[in-house]
Amino acid sequence: MWSVLLMGLAGLLVGGALSFRQQRKPLWTQICFYILAGMSLLAAYLLSLPAA
């Protein structure tokens, strides 16, 4: 359940980064959004692993 929500959050963050790119906002905002999206996907992956 949480992994699905985190993947959705990653999609929203990537969409926000692309929107900032179209609006010609500073590059650091785009990079931050992409980093947060990557961290969200990593967390979703780690939550989907079986418990050892």
C-alpha atoms as a PDB file:
ATOM      1  CA  MET A   1       0.000   0.000   0.000  1.00  0.00           C
ATOM      2  CA  TRP A   2       2.696   2.498   0.987  1.00  0.00           C
ATOM      3  CA  SER A   3       4.825   1.629  -2.013  1.00  0.00           C
ATOM      4  CA  VAL A   4       1.973   2.511  -4.370  1.00  0.00           C
ATOM      5  CA  LEU A   5       1.502   5.868  -2.647  1.00  0.00           C
ATOM      6  CA  LEU A   6       5.224   6.593  -2.824  1.00  0.00           C
ATOM      7  CA  MET A   7       5.291   5.771  -6.542  1.00  0.00           C
ATOM      8  CA  GLY A   8       2.396   8.173  -7.070  1.00  0.00           C
ATOM      9  CA  LEU A   9       4.268  10.837  -5.136  1.00  0.00           C
ATOM     10  CA  ALA A  10       7.308  10.274  -7.352  1.00  0.00           C
ATOM     11  CA  GLY A  11       5.138  10.808 -10.415  1.00  0.00           C
ATOM     12  CA  LEU A  12       3.817  14.070  -9.023  1.00  0.00           C
ATOM     13  CA  LEU A  13       7.338  15.247  -8.217  1.00  0.00           C
ATOM     14  CA  VAL A  14       8.595  14.467 -11.724  1.00  0.00           C
ATOM     15  CA  GLY A  15       5.601  16.304 -13.157  1.00  0.00           C
ATOM     16  CA  GLY A  16       6.415  19.277 -10.959  1.00  0.00           C
ATOM     17  CA  ALA A  17      10.024  19.263 -12.128  1.00  0.00           C
ATOM     18  CA  LEU A  18       8.919  19.212 -15.757  1.00  0.00           C
ATOM     19  CA  SER A  19       6.495  22.047 -15.050  1.00  0.00           C
ATOM     20  CA  PHE A  20       9.265  24.110 -13.467  1.00  0.00           C
ATOM     21  CA  ARG A  21      11.387  23.437 -16.543  1.00  0.00           C
ATOM     22  CA  GLN A  22       8.686  24.849 -18.822  1.00  0.00           C
ATOM     23  CA  GLN A  23       8.327  27.891 -16.587  1.00  0.00           C
ATOM     24  CA  ARG A  24      12.091  28.477 -16.765  1.00  0.00           C
ATOM     25  CA  LYS A  25      12.507  28.342 -12.994  1.00  0.00           C
ATOM     26  CA  PRO A  26      16.003  27.967 -11.455  1.00  0.00           C
ATOM     27  CA  LEU A  27      17.753  24.693 -12.190  1.00  0.00           C
ATOM     28  CA  TRP A  28      18.235  23.842  -8.501  1.00  0.00           C
ATOM     29  CA  THR A  29      14.456  23.534  -7.998  1.00  0.00           C
ATOM     30  CA  GLN A  30      14.226  20.994 -10.808  1.00  0.00           C
ATOM     31  CA  ILE A  31      17.168  19.037  -9.447  1.00  0.00           C
ATOM     32  CA  CYS A  32      15.623  18.976  -5.954  1.00  0.00           C
ATOM     33  CA  PHE A  33      12.351  17.646  -7.324  1.00  0.00           C
ATOM     34  CA  TYR A  34      14.143  14.923  -9.302  1.00  0.00           C
ATOM     35  CA  ILE A  35      16.184  13.928  -6.242  1.00  0.00           C
ATOM     36  CA  LEU A  36      13.049  13.737  -4.087  1.00  0.00           C
ATOM     37  CA  ALA A  37      11.326  11.649  -6.767  1.00  0.00           C
ATOM     38  CA  GLY A  38      14.280   9.259  -6.840  1.00  0.00           C
ATOM     39  CA  MET A  39      14.260   8.968  -3.067  1.00  0.00           C
ATOM     40  CA  SER A  40      10.536   8.242  -3.152  1.00  0.00           C
ATOM     41  CA  LEU A  41      11.042   5.462  -5.704  1.00  0.00           C
ATOM     42  CA  LEU A  42      13.881   4.018  -3.655  1.00  0.00           C
ATOM     43  CA  ALA A  43      11.697   4.009  -0.534  1.00  0.00           C
ATOM     44  CA  ALA A  44       8.887   2.318  -2.487  1.00  0.00           C
ATOM     45  CA  TYR A  45      11.309  -0.358  -3.663  1.00  0.00           C
ATOM     46  CA  LEU A  46      12.696  -0.955  -0.187  1.00  0.00           C
ATOM     47  CA  LEU A  47       9.177  -1.256   1.240  1.00  0.00           C
ATOM     48  CA  SER A  48       8.294  -3.853  -1.392  1.00  0.00           C
ATOM     49  CA  LEU A  49      11.152  -6.162  -0.395  1.00  0.00           C
ATOM     50  CA  PRO A  50      10.177  -9.168   1.717  1.00  0.00           C
ATOM     51  CA  ALA A  51      11.082  -9.015   5.393  1.00  0.00           C
ATOM     52  CA  ALA A  52      14.179 -11.072   6.180  1.00  0.00           C
END
